[in-house]
Amino acid sequence: MKAGIIGGTGRMGQLFRPVFERAGYETLVSGRSTALTNVQLAETCDIVVVSVPIRDTVRVIGEIAPVMRDDQLLCDFTSLKVAPVAAMLRSKAQVIGLHPMFGPTVSSIAGQTIVVCPARSTDAALDYLAGIFTREGAVCTLATPEQHDRMMAVVQGLTHFVTICMADTLRRMNTDIRATEAYMSPVYQIELGLVGRLLSQDPALYADILEQNPFVPEVLAACRSAVGDLETIVKTGDPDAFAEFFMQDTRHLGEYCKRGQDLTDALIECMVKK
């Protein structure tokens, strides 16, 4: 049995290569620096995974789709699913979209979430593929490509947008980050850590997540409306209006307010111990 990862010389490909090897596959990789071409890999392997930047995914799938057979399984690791899955469905292969909800810096996939979007596959193929990951301790979440992209507009799009806005606000205010350390609360430290984590990575990834997901504009419109409403309340200095705004969100989050408190308390405790 052979599995192939297109873009497998990258960090995500290198993370998953031993996962497939432990499942019994001879695992091949192709990339810009390999003698093995994408098409050769696609012609050879039983499972083919496309693991390239979002902006290149549909093009690469289009390159290999014509050579794939109905006895093969074609997947991708992209942060978007509607367009890549549609491109994969132009092949004859079985198709399952994948989105690992973590970066390649994790030590293993144990405890991590992988979203699985079956598009054209047998139940046996779906169960088998998911089993490769769950045996490693990963958690698989089933979704349609549209469900995935709508959720990612919030989980990734909103999160990254707000984090980038915080970073840019600090820059616009010419804030001396080192000077803030003497005043640093645990929550500010966590927020600043998220800002630093994001800004230390490839801007092209975040540009693609925000710009190529068709459901992001709707989310950002809601965010812009929320900012405007809250700014108006703050400027009026009305504590009752602020409390009502605040409590609406408290009621919406429900039990997650307590879960969030417990989670951040545990994180802060770990930070203090270090």
Protein backbone atom coordinates (compact mmCIF):
# COMPACT_ATOMS: atom_id res chain seq x y z
CA MET A 1 0.00 0.00 0.00
CA LYS A 2 1.19 3.49 -0.82
CA ALA A 3 0.12 6.90 0.43
CA GLY A 4 1.32 10.11 -1.16
CA ILE A 5 1.46 13.67 0.14
CA ILE A 6 1.74 16.40 -2.45
CA GLY A 7 3.56 19.21 -0.70
CA GLY A 8 4.81 16.58 1.71
CA THR A 9 8.20 18.22 2.10
CA GLY A 10 6.44 21.00 4.06
CA ARG A 11 5.96 20.93 7.81
CA MET A 12 2.37 19.61 7.75
CA GLY A 13 3.33 16.88 5.33
CA GLN A 14 6.23 15.88 7.54
CA LEU A 15 3.91 15.72 10.55
CA PHE A 16 1.51 13.33 8.78
CA ARG A 17 4.05 11.20 6.93
CA PRO A 18 4.79 8.99 9.97
CA VAL A 19 1.05 8.78 10.70
CA PHE A 20 0.49 7.02 7.37
CA GLU A 21 3.66 4.97 7.79
CA ARG A 22 2.46 3.65 11.16
CA ALA A 23 -0.79 2.68 9.41
CA GLY A 24 1.24 0.42 7.13
CA TYR A 25 1.73 2.66 4.11
CA GLU A 26 4.87 3.31 2.15
CA THR A 27 4.57 7.07 2.08
CA LEU A 28 5.83 9.13 -0.83
CA VAL A 29 6.11 12.89 -1.01
CA SER A 30 6.36 15.33 -3.87
CA GLY A 31 7.22 18.99 -3.92
CA ARG A 32 9.31 21.61 -5.62
CA SER A 33 12.56 19.96 -4.51
CA THR A 34 11.68 16.31 -5.28
CA ALA A 35 12.44 14.30 -8.38
CA LEU A 36 9.00 12.67 -8.04
CA THR A 37 6.38 14.86 -9.70
CA ASN A 38 2.85 15.46 -8.44
CA VAL A 39 1.40 13.53 -11.38
CA GLN A 40 3.74 10.57 -10.84
CA LEU A 41 2.76 10.45 -7.18
CA ALA A 42 -0.95 10.61 -8.06
CA GLU A 43 -0.58 7.76 -10.54
CA THR A 44 1.23 5.58 -7.98
CA CYS A 45 -0.50 5.95 -4.61
CA ASP A 46 -3.67 4.44 -3.15
CA ILE A 47 -4.27 7.52 -0.98
CA VAL A 48 -3.25 10.96 -2.28
CA VAL A 49 -3.29 14.01 0.00
CA VAL A 50 -2.80 17.53 -1.34
CA SER A 51 -1.04 19.62 1.30
CA VAL A 52 -0.14 22.93 -0.36
CA PRO A 53 -1.02 26.58 0.35
CA ILE A 54 -4.70 27.47 -0.04
CA ARG A 55 -4.04 29.67 -3.07
CA ASP A 56 -2.35 26.75 -4.88
CA THR A 57 -4.71 23.92 -3.90
CA VAL A 58 -7.27 24.04 -6.71
CA ARG A 59 -4.54 24.42 -9.33
CA VAL A 60 -2.60 21.42 -8.00
CA ILE A 61 -5.76 19.30 -7.78
CA GLY A 62 -6.52 20.23 -11.39
CA GLU A 63 -3.05 19.01 -12.33
CA ILE A 64 -3.54 15.52 -10.88
CA ALA A 65 -7.30 14.96 -11.25
CA PRO A 66 -7.16 13.66 -14.85
CA VAL A 67 -4.82 10.77 -13.93
CA MET A 68 -6.64 9.52 -10.84
CA ARG A 69 -8.70 6.33 -10.87
CA ASP A 70 -11.86 5.22 -9.09
CA ASP A 71 -9.90 2.79 -6.90
CA GLN A 72 -7.92 5.65 -5.34
CA LEU A 73 -8.76 8.08 -2.53
CA LEU A 74 -8.08 11.79 -3.02
CA CYS A 75 -7.93 14.17 -0.03
CA ASP A 76 -6.63 17.61 0.86
CA PHE A 77 -5.45 19.39 4.01
CA THR A 78 -6.74 22.85 3.09
CA SER A 79 -8.33 25.35 5.53
CA LEU A 80 -11.18 25.78 3.03
CA LYS A 81 -13.29 22.98 1.67
CA VAL A 82 -15.96 24.06 -0.85
CA ALA A 83 -13.63 24.93 -3.74
CA PRO A 84 -11.03 22.18 -3.15
CA VAL A 85 -13.68 19.46 -2.80
CA ALA A 86 -15.41 20.65 -5.99
CA ALA A 87 -12.05 20.44 -7.78
CA MET A 88 -11.37 16.94 -6.42
CA LEU A 89 -14.79 15.75 -7.56
CA ARG A 90 -13.69 16.37 -11.16
CA SER A 91 -11.46 13.32 -10.79
CA LYS A 92 -12.67 9.71 -10.85
CA ALA A 93 -11.30 9.03 -7.36
CA GLN A 94 -13.16 8.75 -4.11
CA VAL A 95 -13.02 12.16 -2.41
CA ILE A 96 -12.77 13.12 1.27
CA GLY A 97 -11.77 16.63 2.27
CA LEU A 98 -9.68 17.00 5.42
CA HIS A 99 -8.78 19.97 7.62
CA PRO A 100 -6.39 19.43 10.53
CA MET A 101 -7.42 22.08 13.06
CA PHE A 102 -3.85 22.63 14.25
CA GLY A 103 -0.52 23.75 12.93
CA PRO A 104 2.54 21.62 12.19
CA THR A 105 4.27 22.71 15.41
CA VAL A 106 2.34 20.17 17.51
CA SER A 107 4.37 17.17 18.65
CA SER A 108 1.67 14.70 17.54
CA ILE A 109 -1.93 14.64 16.35
CA ALA A 110 -3.11 13.02 19.61
CA GLY A 111 -5.94 15.06 21.13
CA GLN A 112 -6.20 17.25 18.04
CA THR A 113 -9.28 17.78 15.86
CA ILE A 114 -9.46 16.89 12.17
CA VAL A 115 -12.56 17.97 10.24
CA VAL A 116 -13.56 15.30 7.72
CA CYS A 117 -15.75 16.20 4.72
CA PRO A 118 -16.83 13.08 2.83
CA ALA A 119 -17.89 14.02 -0.69
CA ARG A 120 -17.75 10.81 -2.73
CA SER A 121 -16.65 7.75 -0.84
CA THR A 122 -17.87 4.44 0.46
CA ASP A 123 -18.65 4.13 4.15
CA ALA A 124 -15.80 1.64 4.39
CA ALA A 125 -13.30 4.11 2.91
CA LEU A 126 -14.50 6.88 5.23
CA ASP A 127 -14.28 4.67 8.31
CA TYR A 128 -10.87 3.40 7.27
CA LEU A 129 -9.40 6.86 6.71
CA ALA A 130 -10.84 8.27 9.92
CA GLY A 131 -9.48 5.22 11.73
CA ILE A 132 -5.94 6.07 10.67
CA PHE A 133 -6.27 9.33 12.58
CA THR A 134 -8.34 8.18 15.55
CA ARG A 135 -5.88 5.36 16.27
CA GLU A 136 -3.30 8.12 16.72
CA GLY A 137 -5.60 9.81 19.26
CA ALA A 138 -7.08 12.47 16.99
CA VAL A 139 -10.76 13.45 17.09
CA CYS A 140 -12.61 13.50 13.76
CA THR A 141 -15.53 15.88 13.17
CA LEU A 142 -17.79 15.17 10.17
CA ALA A 143 -19.13 18.10 8.13
CA THR A 144 -20.18 19.05 4.64
CA PRO A 145 -17.80 21.39 2.79
CA GLU A 146 -20.23 24.31 3.20
CA GLN A 147 -20.75 23.61 6.90
CA HIS A 148 -16.98 23.57 7.29
CA ASP A 149 -16.39 26.86 5.49
CA ARG A 150 -19.19 28.63 7.35
CA MET A 151 -17.75 27.46 10.67
CA MET A 152 -14.21 28.42 9.65
CA ALA A 153 -15.42 31.95 8.89
CA VAL A 154 -15.96 32.23 12.66
CA VAL A 155 -13.40 29.85 14.16
CA GLN A 156 -10.54 31.08 11.98
CA GLY A 157 -11.75 34.19 10.15
CA LEU A 158 -13.16 36.11 13.11
CA THR A 159 -10.41 34.98 15.49
CA HIS A 160 -7.56 35.96 13.18
CA PHE A 161 -9.23 39.22 12.14
CA VAL A 162 -9.65 40.37 15.75
CA THR A 163 -6.09 39.31 16.63
CA ILE A 164 -4.63 41.21 13.67
CA CYS A 165 -6.73 44.26 14.60
CA MET A 166 -5.31 44.18 18.13
CA ALA A 167 -1.79 44.07 16.70
CA ASP A 168 -2.49 46.96 14.36
CA THR A 169 -4.08 49.02 17.14
CA LEU A 170 -0.89 48.64 19.19
CA ARG A 171 1.12 49.78 16.18
CA ARG A 172 -1.14 52.75 15.46
CA MET A 173 -0.90 53.84 19.08
CA ASN A 174 2.89 53.46 18.87
CA THR A 175 2.64 51.33 22.01
CA ASP A 176 5.98 50.27 23.50
CA ILE A 177 5.38 46.55 24.00
CA ARG A 178 8.32 46.17 26.38
CA ALA A 179 7.00 49.02 28.51
CA THR A 180 3.65 47.24 28.90
CA GLU A 181 5.37 44.24 30.52
CA ALA A 182 5.62 46.06 33.87
CA TYR A 183 1.82 46.41 33.83
CA MET A 184 1.01 43.03 32.31
CA SER A 185 -2.07 41.21 33.58
CA PRO A 186 -2.41 37.46 32.86
CA VAL A 187 -5.20 38.10 30.35
CA TYR A 188 -3.16 40.74 28.50
CA GLN A 189 -0.22 38.32 28.45
CA ILE A 190 -2.40 35.63 26.88
CA GLU A 191 -3.79 38.06 24.30
CA LEU A 192 -0.32 39.38 23.47
CA GLY A 193 0.94 35.82 23.17
CA LEU A 194 -1.76 35.10 20.59
CA VAL A 195 -0.78 38.24 18.67
CA GLY A 196 2.88 37.23 18.68
CA ARG A 197 2.07 33.67 17.66
CA LEU A 198 0.05 34.83 14.66
CA LEU A 199 2.53 37.48 13.52
CA SER A 200 5.42 35.01 13.64
CA GLN A 201 3.83 32.97 10.86
CA ASP A 202 3.32 33.33 7.11
CA PRO A 203 1.01 36.28 6.29
CA ALA A 204 -0.05 34.54 3.07
CA LEU A 205 -1.80 31.82 5.11
CA TYR A 206 -3.94 34.35 6.97
CA ALA A 207 -4.60 36.37 3.84
CA ASP A 208 -6.00 33.24 2.17
CA ILE A 209 -8.09 32.26 5.20
CA LEU A 210 -9.67 35.73 5.36
CA GLU A 211 -9.88 36.58 1.68
CA GLN A 212 -10.81 33.29 0.01
CA ASN A 213 -13.56 32.08 2.35
CA PRO A 214 -16.82 33.42 0.85
CA PHE A 215 -18.52 33.41 4.26
CA VAL A 216 -15.99 35.69 5.99
CA PRO A 217 -17.52 39.03 4.82
CA GLU A 218 -20.80 38.24 6.63
CA VAL A 219 -18.92 37.53 9.84
CA LEU A 220 -16.82 40.69 9.55
CA ALA A 221 -19.96 42.76 8.97
CA ALA A 222 -21.37 41.45 12.26
CA CYS A 223 -18.05 42.20 13.97
CA ARG A 224 -18.03 45.76 12.59
CA SER A 225 -21.60 46.27 13.82
CA ALA A 226 -20.69 44.97 17.29
CA VAL A 227 -17.69 47.30 17.51
CA GLY A 228 -19.81 50.26 16.47
CA ASP A 229 -22.55 49.53 19.00
CA LEU A 230 -20.11 48.98 21.84
CA GLU A 231 -18.16 52.11 20.98
CA THR A 232 -21.37 54.15 21.12
CA ILE A 233 -22.26 52.71 24.53
CA VAL A 234 -18.76 53.40 25.89
CA LYS A 235 -18.85 56.99 24.63
CA THR A 236 -22.22 57.64 26.27
CA GLY A 237 -20.90 56.39 29.63
CA ASP A 238 -24.16 54.56 30.35
CA PRO A 239 -23.42 51.62 32.69
CA ASP A 240 -26.92 50.18 32.29
CA ALA A 241 -26.59 50.05 28.51
CA PHE A 242 -23.16 48.45 28.89
CA ALA A 243 -24.53 45.85 31.30
CA GLU A 244 -27.34 44.94 28.90
CA PHE A 245 -24.89 44.61 25.99
CA PHE A 246 -22.60 42.51 28.19
CA MET A 247 -25.35 40.26 29.55
CA GLN A 248 -26.76 39.51 26.10
CA ASP A 249 -23.41 37.96 25.26
CA THR A 250 -23.23 36.18 28.62
CA ARG A 251 -26.61 34.58 27.98
CA HIS A 252 -25.58 33.57 24.46
CA LEU A 253 -22.36 31.86 25.58
CA GLY A 254 -24.20 30.14 28.44
CA GLU A 255 -22.21 27.41 30.16
CA TYR A 256 -19.09 28.25 28.16
CA CYS A 257 -18.57 31.32 30.36
CA LYS A 258 -17.76 29.01 33.29
CA ARG A 259 -15.75 26.67 31.08
CA GLY A 260 -13.77 29.61 29.76
CA GLN A 261 -13.10 30.84 33.29
CA ASP A 262 -11.84 27.43 34.36
CA LEU A 263 -9.71 27.00 31.24
CA THR A 264 -7.99 30.37 31.53
CA ASP A 265 -7.54 29.92 35.30
CA ALA A 266 -5.66 26.69 34.58
CA LEU A 267 -3.61 28.40 31.88
CA ILE A 268 -2.75 31.30 34.17
CA GLU A 269 -1.75 28.89 36.92
CA CYS A 270 0.65 27.16 34.50
CA MET A 271 2.08 30.54 33.47
CA VAL A 272 2.70 31.50 37.11
CA LYS A 273 4.43 28.19 37.87
CA LYS A 274 6.84 28.74 34.99
